Amino acid sequence: VVATATEGGTALFPITYFEREAFLNQSPQLFKQMLMSAGFDRVFEIGPIFRAEEHDTRKHLNEVTSIDIEASFTDHNQAMQILERLVTHVYTEISTQAKNTLKELKTTPKIPEPPFERLKYTEAIEIATTRGEELVWGEDLTTAAETIIAEVINETTNTDHYFIIDWPTETKPFYAMPQETKPEISKAFDLMHRNIELSSGAQRIHNTEQLTERIKEQGLEPEDFKSYLQPFKYGMPPHAGWGLGLERLLMTLLNIENIRNTVLFPRDRKRLSP
């Protein structure tokens, strides 16, 4: 339960918290960053998050399990290296330790090989446009565009996992670090499996004034983030991290067509019981 949004632009589930309004947690992001200031150089969490998004697709749930990390004195490139090593390790261990289960499921995971392909956002836009899905620079990628990009990546590299990097700053949350020489581009990344986003991450802003300004630019009130901003005033090391959706990881690892089949009691916009 949280008092304010942690992901700008992401819909919230409001609840009544005694005499006050509160929300179901969207992400541990702000708390991870606060711990960086307290001397916890590397933190992780595996826990539930809630997104009140109205998507009704085979790859969306409103309650999911998120694997999150944050690390001090780490940039976005190092964060991507940690992520690709983790995903590769999971694939390798499950392929080795769960052979009988995989046989029952009639699936054989395709173990990825790091380093994963890095595709710049601008290049992704160009690929989609070339194949008939016109997008304006600064827009998020459509499902059709993601499908086209995945096909091209597979054709050219024979791989399913790849990063989309150098996203427009305005498409990412307020805490994503802009590039020093091109502030319109952020140090943010998405890890993709074919046309499914598995993870989002970035190097974070660690300067109080810059962070406060970004909060304002996204139409949010710095006063609502007072507890979050306070530790930055005492000194915040450079840091980076990411969040990885467990259900989507399982879905892609085991070649499951619908994400609802990765959990016992899925929660989407239509299902609340059982």
C-alpha atoms as a PDB file:
ATOM      1  CA  VAL A   1       0.000   0.000   0.000  1.00  0.00           C
ATOM      2  CA  VAL A   2       1.427   3.374  -1.023  1.00  0.00           C
ATOM      3  CA  ALA A   3       0.423   7.004  -0.656  1.00  0.00           C
ATOM      4  CA  THR A   4       1.217   8.168  -4.183  1.00  0.00           C
ATOM      5  CA  ALA A   5       2.041   6.964  -7.682  1.00  0.00           C
ATOM      6  CA  THR A   6       5.427   5.393  -8.341  1.00  0.00           C
ATOM      7  CA  GLU A   7       5.074   5.154 -12.118  1.00  0.00           C
ATOM      8  CA  GLY A   8       3.979   8.322 -13.843  1.00  0.00           C
ATOM      9  CA  GLY A   9       1.287   7.613 -16.423  1.00  0.00           C
ATOM     10  CA  THR A  10       0.389   4.185 -15.085  1.00  0.00           C
ATOM     11  CA  ALA A  11      -3.168   3.803 -13.808  1.00  0.00           C
ATOM     12  CA  LEU A  12      -3.641   3.245 -10.082  1.00  0.00           C
ATOM     13  CA  PHE A  13      -5.947   1.083  -7.998  1.00  0.00           C
ATOM     14  CA  PRO A  14      -7.254   3.442  -5.270  1.00  0.00           C
ATOM     15  CA  ILE A  15      -8.246   2.043  -1.879  1.00  0.00           C
ATOM     16  CA  THR A  16      -9.555   3.489   1.377  1.00  0.00           C
ATOM     17  CA  TYR A  17      -6.822   3.469   4.016  1.00  0.00           C
ATOM     18  CA  PHE A  18      -8.647   4.396   7.221  1.00  0.00           C
ATOM     19  CA  GLU A  19      -9.423   8.128   6.759  1.00  0.00           C
ATOM     20  CA  ARG A  20      -7.127   8.579   3.764  1.00  0.00           C
ATOM     21  CA  GLU A  21      -6.915   7.573   0.133  1.00  0.00           C
ATOM     22  CA  ALA A  22      -4.112   5.185  -0.762  1.00  0.00           C
ATOM     23  CA  PHE A  23      -3.168   2.964  -3.683  1.00  0.00           C
ATOM     24  CA  LEU A  24      -2.062  -0.575  -4.379  1.00  0.00           C
ATOM     25  CA  ASN A  25       1.642  -0.564  -5.148  1.00  0.00           C
ATOM     26  CA  GLN A  26       2.607  -0.248  -8.817  1.00  0.00           C
ATOM     27  CA  SER A  27       6.312  -0.833  -8.270  1.00  0.00           C
ATOM     28  CA  PRO A  28       8.954  -0.866  -5.513  1.00  0.00           C
ATOM     29  CA  GLN A  29      10.931   1.660  -7.567  1.00  0.00           C
ATOM     30  CA  LEU A  30      10.910   4.639  -5.212  1.00  0.00           C
ATOM     31  CA  PHE A  31      11.713   2.481  -2.196  1.00  0.00           C
ATOM     32  CA  LYS A  32      14.630   0.816  -3.984  1.00  0.00           C
ATOM     33  CA  GLN A  33      16.116   4.214  -4.739  1.00  0.00           C
ATOM     34  CA  MET A  34      15.695   5.445  -1.173  1.00  0.00           C
ATOM     35  CA  LEU A  35      17.692   2.441   0.021  1.00  0.00           C
ATOM     36  CA  MET A  36      20.580   3.445  -2.248  1.00  0.00           C
ATOM     37  CA  SER A  37      21.010   6.571  -0.130  1.00  0.00           C
ATOM     38  CA  ALA A  38      20.955   4.515   3.080  1.00  0.00           C
ATOM     39  CA  GLY A  39      24.017   2.509   2.106  1.00  0.00           C
ATOM     40  CA  PHE A  40      22.288  -0.589   0.756  1.00  0.00           C
ATOM     41  CA  ASP A  41      24.395  -0.779  -2.380  1.00  0.00           C
ATOM     42  CA  ARG A  42      22.522  -3.708  -3.950  1.00  0.00           C
ATOM     43  CA  VAL A  43      18.890  -4.552  -3.247  1.00  0.00           C
ATOM     44  CA  PHE A  44      16.328  -6.858  -4.791  1.00  0.00           C
ATOM     45  CA  GLU A  45      12.680  -7.720  -4.273  1.00  0.00           C
ATOM     46  CA  ILE A  46      10.336 -10.395  -5.595  1.00  0.00           C
ATOM     47  CA  GLY A  47       6.766  -9.391  -4.874  1.00  0.00           C
ATOM     48  CA  PRO A  48       3.333  -8.443  -6.225  1.00  0.00           C
ATOM     49  CA  ILE A  49       2.566  -5.237  -8.084  1.00  0.00           C
ATOM     50  CA  PHE A  50      -0.762  -3.918  -9.369  1.00  0.00           C
ATOM     51  CA  ARG A  51      -1.464  -1.997 -12.579  1.00  0.00           C
ATOM     52  CA  ALA A  52      -4.954  -0.652 -13.315  1.00  0.00           C
ATOM     53  CA  GLU A  53      -4.406  -0.824 -17.067  1.00  0.00           C
ATOM     54  CA  GLU A  54      -7.376  -1.678 -19.267  1.00  0.00           C
ATOM     55  CA  HIS A  55      -5.475  -3.929 -21.664  1.00  0.00           C
ATOM     56  CA  ASP A  56      -7.247  -7.216 -22.335  1.00  0.00           C
ATOM     57  CA  THR A  57      -4.653  -9.239 -24.234  1.00  0.00           C
ATOM     58  CA  ARG A  58      -2.846 -12.549 -23.951  1.00  0.00           C
ATOM     59  CA  LYS A  59       0.165 -10.830 -22.337  1.00  0.00           C
ATOM     60  CA  HIS A  60      -1.473  -8.554 -19.747  1.00  0.00           C
ATOM     61  CA  LEU A  61      -2.517  -9.110 -16.126  1.00  0.00           C
ATOM     62  CA  ASN A  62      -3.442  -6.508 -13.532  1.00  0.00           C
ATOM     63  CA  GLU A  63      -1.752  -8.320 -10.651  1.00  0.00           C
ATOM     64  CA  VAL A  64       1.708  -9.696 -11.371  1.00  0.00           C
ATOM     65  CA  THR A  65       4.906 -10.702  -9.616  1.00  0.00           C
ATOM     66  CA  SER A  66       7.853  -8.412 -10.254  1.00  0.00           C
ATOM     67  CA  ILE A  67      11.541  -9.253  -9.848  1.00  0.00           C
ATOM     68  CA  ASP A  68      13.294  -5.961  -9.093  1.00  0.00           C
ATOM     69  CA  ILE A  69      16.892  -4.965  -8.501  1.00  0.00           C
ATOM     70  CA  GLU A  70      18.721  -1.696  -7.862  1.00  0.00           C
ATOM     71  CA  ALA A  71      22.489  -1.202  -7.590  1.00  0.00           C
ATOM     72  CA  SER A  72      24.639   1.771  -6.582  1.00  0.00           C
ATOM     73  CA  PHE A  73      27.570   2.942  -8.695  1.00  0.00           C
ATOM     74  CA  THR A  74      26.038   1.108 -11.644  1.00  0.00           C
ATOM     75  CA  ASP A  75      25.024   2.523 -15.011  1.00  0.00           C
ATOM     76  CA  HIS A  76      22.407   1.369 -17.500  1.00  0.00           C
ATOM     77  CA  ASN A  77      24.873  -0.753 -19.469  1.00  0.00           C
ATOM     78  CA  GLN A  78      25.920  -2.663 -16.357  1.00  0.00           C
ATOM     79  CA  ALA A  79      22.264  -3.101 -15.380  1.00  0.00           C
ATOM     80  CA  MET A  80      21.572  -4.676 -18.779  1.00  0.00           C
ATOM     81  CA  GLN A  81      24.499  -7.040 -18.289  1.00  0.00           C
ATOM     82  CA  ILE A  82      23.088  -8.185 -14.936  1.00  0.00           C
ATOM     83  CA  LEU A  83      19.678  -8.722 -16.528  1.00  0.00           C
ATOM     84  CA  GLU A  84      20.889 -10.730 -19.509  1.00  0.00           C
ATOM     85  CA  ARG A  85      23.056 -12.904 -17.255  1.00  0.00           C
ATOM     86  CA  LEU A  86      20.092 -13.574 -14.965  1.00  0.00           C
ATOM     87  CA  VAL A  87      17.751 -14.525 -17.813  1.00  0.00           C
ATOM     88  CA  THR A  88      20.386 -16.787 -19.354  1.00  0.00           C
ATOM     89  CA  HIS A  89      21.014 -18.431 -15.967  1.00  0.00           C
ATOM     90  CA  VAL A  90      17.292 -19.098 -15.468  1.00  0.00           C
ATOM     91  CA  TYR A  91      16.977 -20.671 -18.912  1.00  0.00           C
ATOM     92  CA  THR A  92      20.086 -22.796 -18.384  1.00  0.00           C
ATOM     93  CA  GLU A  93      19.134 -24.038 -14.912  1.00  0.00           C
ATOM     94  CA  ILE A  94      15.549 -24.895 -15.827  1.00  0.00           C
ATOM     95  CA  SER A  95      16.707 -26.695 -18.964  1.00  0.00           C
ATOM     96  CA  THR A  96      19.105 -28.728 -16.806  1.00  0.00           C
ATOM     97  CA  GLN A  97      17.139 -29.230 -13.597  1.00  0.00           C
ATOM     98  CA  ALA A  98      13.581 -29.591 -14.902  1.00  0.00           C
ATOM     99  CA  LYS A  99      13.951 -31.913 -17.880  1.00  0.00           C
ATOM    100  CA  ASN A 100      11.014 -34.140 -16.905  1.00  0.00           C
ATOM    101  CA  THR A 101       8.678 -31.194 -16.396  1.00  0.00           C
ATOM    102  CA  LEU A 102       9.710 -29.674 -19.707  1.00  0.00           C
ATOM    103  CA  LYS A 103       9.073 -33.017 -21.375  1.00  0.00           C
ATOM    104  CA  GLU A 104       5.553 -33.114 -19.917  1.00  0.00           C
ATOM    105  CA  LEU A 105       4.959 -29.580 -21.167  1.00  0.00           C
ATOM    106  CA  LYS A 106       6.335 -30.585 -24.571  1.00  0.00           C
ATOM    107  CA  THR A 107       8.624 -27.599 -24.775  1.00  0.00           C
ATOM    108  CA  THR A 108      12.349 -27.026 -25.100  1.00  0.00           C
ATOM    109  CA  PRO A 109      13.580 -23.583 -24.025  1.00  0.00           C
ATOM    110  CA  LYS A 110      15.900 -21.848 -26.461  1.00  0.00           C
ATOM    111  CA  ILE A 111      18.764 -20.787 -24.201  1.00  0.00           C
ATOM    112  CA  PRO A 112      19.859 -17.242 -25.098  1.00  0.00           C
ATOM    113  CA  GLU A 113      23.496 -16.247 -25.470  1.00  0.00           C
ATOM    114  CA  PRO A 114      24.652 -12.937 -23.993  1.00  0.00           C
ATOM    115  CA  PRO A 115      25.376 -10.260 -24.874  1.00  0.00           C
ATOM    116  CA  PHE A 116      21.886  -9.687 -26.243  1.00  0.00           C
ATOM    117  CA  GLU A 117      21.351  -7.554 -29.327  1.00  0.00           C
ATOM    118  CA  ARG A 118      21.025  -3.804 -28.597  1.00  0.00           C
ATOM    119  CA  LEU A 119      18.590  -1.968 -30.879  1.00  0.00           C
ATOM    120  CA  LYS A 120      18.217   1.791 -30.589  1.00  0.00           C
ATOM    121  CA  TYR A 121      14.681   3.168 -30.366  1.00  0.00           C
ATOM    122  CA  THR A 122      15.265   5.243 -33.516  1.00  0.00           C
ATOM    123  CA  GLU A 123      16.352   2.107 -35.392  1.00  0.00           C
ATOM    124  CA  ALA A 124      13.254   0.279 -34.146  1.00  0.00           C
ATOM    125  CA  ILE A 125      11.045   3.082 -35.484  1.00  0.00           C
ATOM    126  CA  GLU A 126      12.804   2.914 -38.855  1.00  0.00           C
ATOM    127  CA  ILE A 127      12.362  -0.874 -39.085  1.00  0.00           C
ATOM    128  CA  ALA A 128       8.644  -0.650 -38.316  1.00  0.00           C
ATOM    129  CA  THR A 129       8.115   2.226 -40.750  1.00  0.00           C
ATOM    130  CA  THR A 130      10.000   0.432 -43.534  1.00  0.00           C
ATOM    131  CA  ARG A 131       7.613  -2.498 -43.207  1.00  0.00           C
ATOM    132  CA  GLY A 132       4.436  -0.446 -43.210  1.00  0.00           C
ATOM    133  CA  GLU A 133       3.819   0.461 -39.544  1.00  0.00           C
ATOM    134  CA  GLU A 134       4.388   4.207 -39.508  1.00  0.00           C
ATOM    135  CA  LEU A 135       5.264   5.708 -36.136  1.00  0.00           C
ATOM    136  CA  VAL A 136       6.170   9.207 -35.035  1.00  0.00           C
ATOM    137  CA  TRP A 137       9.416   9.581 -33.100  1.00  0.00           C
ATOM    138  CA  GLY A 138       8.519   9.937 -29.435  1.00  0.00           C
ATOM    139  CA  GLU A 139       5.567   7.554 -29.512  1.00  0.00           C
ATOM    140  CA  ASP A 140       5.541   4.221 -27.736  1.00  0.00           C
ATOM    141  CA  LEU A 141       5.846   1.158 -29.947  1.00  0.00           C
ATOM    142  CA  THR A 142       2.599  -0.455 -31.046  1.00  0.00           C
ATOM    143  CA  THR A 143       2.015  -4.201 -30.869  1.00  0.00           C
ATOM    144  CA  ALA A 144       2.226  -4.344 -34.658  1.00  0.00           C
ATOM    145  CA  ALA A 145       5.560  -2.515 -34.588  1.00  0.00           C
ATOM    146  CA  GLU A 146       6.925  -4.840 -31.896  1.00  0.00           C
ATOM    147  CA  THR A 147       5.928  -7.849 -33.999  1.00  0.00           C
ATOM    148  CA  ILE A 148       7.693  -6.459 -37.069  1.00  0.00           C
ATOM    149  CA  ILE A 149      10.828  -5.631 -35.072  1.00  0.00           C
ATOM    150  CA  ALA A 150      10.895  -9.117 -33.535  1.00  0.00           C
ATOM    151  CA  GLU A 151      10.676 -10.698 -36.983  1.00  0.00           C
ATOM    152  CA  VAL A 152      13.572  -8.607 -38.288  1.00  0.00           C
ATOM    153  CA  ILE A 153      15.726  -9.335 -35.231  1.00  0.00           C
ATOM    154  CA  ASN A 154      15.068 -13.050 -35.599  1.00  0.00           C
ATOM    155  CA  GLU A 155      15.799 -12.968 -39.323  1.00  0.00           C
ATOM    156  CA  THR A 156      19.096 -11.126 -38.899  1.00  0.00           C
ATOM    157  CA  THR A 157      20.422 -12.568 -35.617  1.00  0.00           C
ATOM    158  CA  ASN A 158      18.430 -15.778 -35.038  1.00  0.00           C
ATOM    159  CA  THR A 159      17.699 -14.675 -31.479  1.00  0.00           C
ATOM    160  CA  ASP A 160      14.553 -14.045 -29.461  1.00  0.00           C
ATOM    161  CA  HIS A 161      15.977 -11.813 -26.713  1.00  0.00           C
ATOM    162  CA  TYR A 162      17.098  -8.263 -27.430  1.00  0.00           C
ATOM    163  CA  PHE A 163      17.188  -4.827 -25.835  1.00  0.00           C
ATOM    164  CA  ILE A 164      15.576  -1.668 -27.161  1.00  0.00           C
ATOM    165  CA  ILE A 165      17.716   1.205 -25.871  1.00  0.00           C
ATOM    166  CA  ASP A 166      17.966   5.005 -26.093  1.00  0.00           C
ATOM    167  CA  TRP A 167      14.265   5.665 -25.547  1.00  0.00           C
ATOM    168  CA  PRO A 168      12.911   9.224 -25.767  1.00  0.00           C
ATOM    169  CA  THR A 169      13.047  10.727 -22.287  1.00  0.00           C
ATOM    170  CA  GLU A 170       9.388  11.717 -22.407  1.00  0.00           C
ATOM    171  CA  THR A 171       8.265   8.107 -22.907  1.00  0.00           C
ATOM    172  CA  LYS A 172       9.899   6.976 -19.652  1.00  0.00           C
ATOM    173  CA  PRO A 173       9.169   7.651 -15.954  1.00  0.00           C
ATOM    174  CA  PHE A 174      10.495  10.821 -14.331  1.00  0.00           C
ATOM    175  CA  TYR A 175      13.387   9.050 -12.598  1.00  0.00           C
ATOM    176  CA  ALA A 176      15.028   7.804 -15.833  1.00  0.00           C
ATOM    177  CA  MET A 177      18.342   9.564 -16.460  1.00  0.00           C
ATOM    178  CA  PRO A 178      18.553  11.680 -19.652  1.00  0.00           C
ATOM    179  CA  GLN A 179      21.748  11.429 -21.667  1.00  0.00           C
ATOM    180  CA  GLU A 180      24.184  14.251 -20.956  1.00  0.00           C
ATOM    181  CA  THR A 181      24.738  15.277 -24.583  1.00  0.00           C
ATOM    182  CA  LYS A 182      21.215  14.501 -25.822  1.00  0.00           C
ATOM    183  CA  PRO A 183      18.772  15.103 -22.954  1.00  0.00           C
ATOM    184  CA  GLU A 184      15.827  14.228 -25.194  1.00  0.00           C
ATOM    185  CA  ILE A 185      17.114  10.622 -25.111  1.00  0.00           C
ATOM    186  CA  SER A 186      17.200   8.621 -21.881  1.00  0.00           C
ATOM    187  CA  LYS A 187      19.495   5.962 -20.463  1.00  0.00           C
ATOM    188  CA  ALA A 188      16.538   3.591 -20.385  1.00  0.00           C
ATOM    189  CA  PHE A 189      16.049   0.162 -21.898  1.00  0.00           C
ATOM    190  CA  ASP A 190      13.454  -2.546 -22.429  1.00  0.00           C
ATOM    191  CA  LEU A 191      14.280  -6.239 -22.622  1.00  0.00           C
ATOM    192  CA  MET A 192      12.162  -7.944 -25.249  1.00  0.00           C
ATOM    193  CA  HIS A 193      11.414 -11.570 -26.044  1.00  0.00           C
ATOM    194  CA  ARG A 194      10.169 -11.488 -29.614  1.00  0.00           C
ATOM    195  CA  ASN A 195       7.274  -9.004 -29.385  1.00  0.00           C
ATOM    196  CA  ILE A 196       6.774  -9.202 -25.604  1.00  0.00           C
ATOM    197  CA  GLU A 197       8.356  -6.747 -23.177  1.00  0.00           C
ATOM    198  CA  LEU A 198       9.898  -8.670 -20.280  1.00  0.00           C
ATOM    199  CA  SER A 199      11.622  -5.892 -18.384  1.00  0.00           C
ATOM    200  CA  SER A 200      12.145  -2.147 -18.220  1.00  0.00           C
ATOM    201  CA  GLY A 201      15.075  -0.444 -16.573  1.00  0.00           C
ATOM    202  CA  ALA A 202      17.328   2.575 -16.608  1.00  0.00           C
ATOM    203  CA  GLN A 203      20.065   4.488 -14.966  1.00  0.00           C
ATOM    204  CA  ARG A 204      18.293   6.786 -12.519  1.00  0.00           C
ATOM    205  CA  ILE A 205      18.545  10.498 -11.870  1.00  0.00           C
ATOM    206  CA  HIS A 206      20.464  11.019  -8.608  1.00  0.00           C
ATOM    207  CA  ASN A 207      20.489  14.832  -8.524  1.00  0.00           C
ATOM    208  CA  THR A 208      17.697  16.364  -6.407  1.00  0.00           C
ATOM    209  CA  GLU A 209      17.121  19.455  -8.530  1.00  0.00           C
ATOM    210  CA  GLN A 210      17.067  17.548 -11.802  1.00  0.00           C
ATOM    211  CA  LEU A 211      14.723  14.930 -10.367  1.00  0.00           C
ATOM    212  CA  THR A 212      12.334  17.558  -8.993  1.00  0.00           C
ATOM    213  CA  GLU A 213      12.225  19.282 -12.371  1.00  0.00           C
ATOM    214  CA  ARG A 214      11.443  16.006 -14.150  1.00  0.00           C
ATOM    215  CA  ILE A 215       8.579  15.355 -11.728  1.00  0.00           C
ATOM    216  CA  LYS A 216       7.120  18.766 -12.602  1.00  0.00           C
ATOM    217  CA  GLU A 217       7.589  18.187 -16.341  1.00  0.00           C
ATOM    218  CA  GLN A 218       5.438  15.068 -16.112  1.00  0.00           C
ATOM    219  CA  GLY A 219       2.602  17.009 -14.506  1.00  0.00           C
ATOM    220  CA  LEU A 220       3.184  15.644 -11.008  1.00  0.00           C
ATOM    221  CA  GLU A 221       3.548  17.518  -7.724  1.00  0.00           C
ATOM    222  CA  PRO A 222       6.951  17.301  -5.974  1.00  0.00           C
ATOM    223  CA  GLU A 223       5.156  17.719  -2.641  1.00  0.00           C
ATOM    224  CA  ASP A 224       3.504  14.335  -3.214  1.00  0.00           C
ATOM    225  CA  PHE A 225       6.994  12.801  -3.399  1.00  0.00           C
ATOM    226  CA  LYS A 226       8.440  14.536  -0.347  1.00  0.00           C
ATOM    227  CA  SER A 227       9.440  11.331   1.458  1.00  0.00           C
ATOM    228  CA  TYR A 228      11.052  10.002  -1.712  1.00  0.00           C
ATOM    229  CA  LEU A 229      12.989  13.186  -2.468  1.00  0.00           C
ATOM    230  CA  GLN A 230      14.303  13.722   1.069  1.00  0.00           C
ATOM    231  CA  PRO A 231      17.111  11.096   0.915  1.00  0.00           C
ATOM    232  CA  PHE A 232      18.436  12.655  -2.301  1.00  0.00           C
ATOM    233  CA  LYS A 233      19.222  15.836  -0.357  1.00  0.00           C
ATOM    234  CA  TYR A 234      21.628  13.948   1.900  1.00  0.00           C
ATOM    235  CA  GLY A 235      23.561  12.407  -0.968  1.00  0.00           C
ATOM    236  CA  MET A 236      22.546   9.805  -3.509  1.00  0.00           C
ATOM    237  CA  PRO A 237      25.078   7.662  -5.402  1.00  0.00           C
ATOM    238  CA  PRO A 238      24.676   7.021  -9.125  1.00  0.00           C
ATOM    239  CA  HIS A 239      22.498   3.943  -9.504  1.00  0.00           C
ATOM    240  CA  ALA A 240      20.531   1.840 -11.966  1.00  0.00           C
ATOM    241  CA  GLY A 241      18.095  -1.042 -11.931  1.00  0.00           C
ATOM    242  CA  TRP A 242      15.197  -2.817 -13.543  1.00  0.00           C
ATOM    243  CA  GLY A 243      11.960  -4.711 -12.982  1.00  0.00           C
ATOM    244  CA  LEU A 244      11.295  -8.084 -14.619  1.00  0.00           C
ATOM    245  CA  GLY A 245       7.809  -9.584 -14.908  1.00  0.00           C
ATOM    246  CA  LEU A 246       7.876 -13.150 -13.597  1.00  0.00           C
ATOM    247  CA  GLU A 247       4.720 -14.270 -15.405  1.00  0.00           C
ATOM    248  CA  ARG A 248       5.980 -12.991 -18.750  1.00  0.00           C
ATOM    249  CA  LEU A 249       9.327 -14.656 -18.129  1.00  0.00           C
ATOM    250  CA  LEU A 250       7.551 -17.973 -17.532  1.00  0.00           C
ATOM    251  CA  MET A 251       5.252 -17.406 -20.490  1.00  0.00           C
ATOM    252  CA  THR A 252       8.142 -16.937 -22.899  1.00  0.00           C
ATOM    253  CA  LEU A 253      10.422 -19.521 -21.289  1.00  0.00           C
ATOM    254  CA  LEU A 254       7.815 -22.295 -21.475  1.00  0.00           C
ATOM    255  CA  ASN A 255       6.218 -21.139 -24.740  1.00  0.00           C
ATOM    256  CA  ILE A 256       2.827 -20.563 -23.093  1.00  0.00           C
ATOM    257  CA  GLU A 257       0.428 -18.744 -25.402  1.00  0.00           C
ATOM    258  CA  ASN A 258      -1.600 -16.901 -22.743  1.00  0.00           C
ATOM    259  CA  ILE A 259      -0.140 -15.304 -19.619  1.00  0.00           C
ATOM    260  CA  ARG A 260      -3.214 -16.330 -17.607  1.00  0.00           C
ATOM    261  CA  ASN A 261      -1.939 -19.904 -17.747  1.00  0.00           C
ATOM    262  CA  THR A 262       1.172 -18.995 -15.757  1.00  0.00           C
ATOM    263  CA  VAL A 263      -0.708 -18.298 -12.494  1.00  0.00           C
ATOM    264  CA  LEU A 264      -3.346 -20.138 -10.472  1.00  0.00           C
ATOM    265  CA  PHE A 265      -5.798 -17.271  -9.999  1.00  0.00           C
ATOM    266  CA  PRO A 266      -5.173 -14.630 -12.684  1.00  0.00           C
ATOM    267  CA  ARG A 267      -6.486 -11.125 -12.242  1.00  0.00           C
ATOM    268  CA  ASP A 268      -7.391  -9.200 -15.360  1.00  0.00           C
ATOM    269  CA  ARG A 269      -9.979  -6.508 -16.069  1.00  0.00           C
ATOM    270  CA  LYS A 270     -12.761  -9.132 -16.252  1.00  0.00           C
ATOM    271  CA  ARG A 271     -11.769 -11.681 -13.608  1.00  0.00           C
ATOM    272  CA  LEU A 272     -11.882 -10.990  -9.871  1.00  0.00           C
ATOM    273  CA  SER A 273     -13.072 -14.369  -8.584  1.00  0.00           C
ATOM    274  CA  PRO A 274     -12.020 -16.994  -7.684  1.00  0.00           C
END
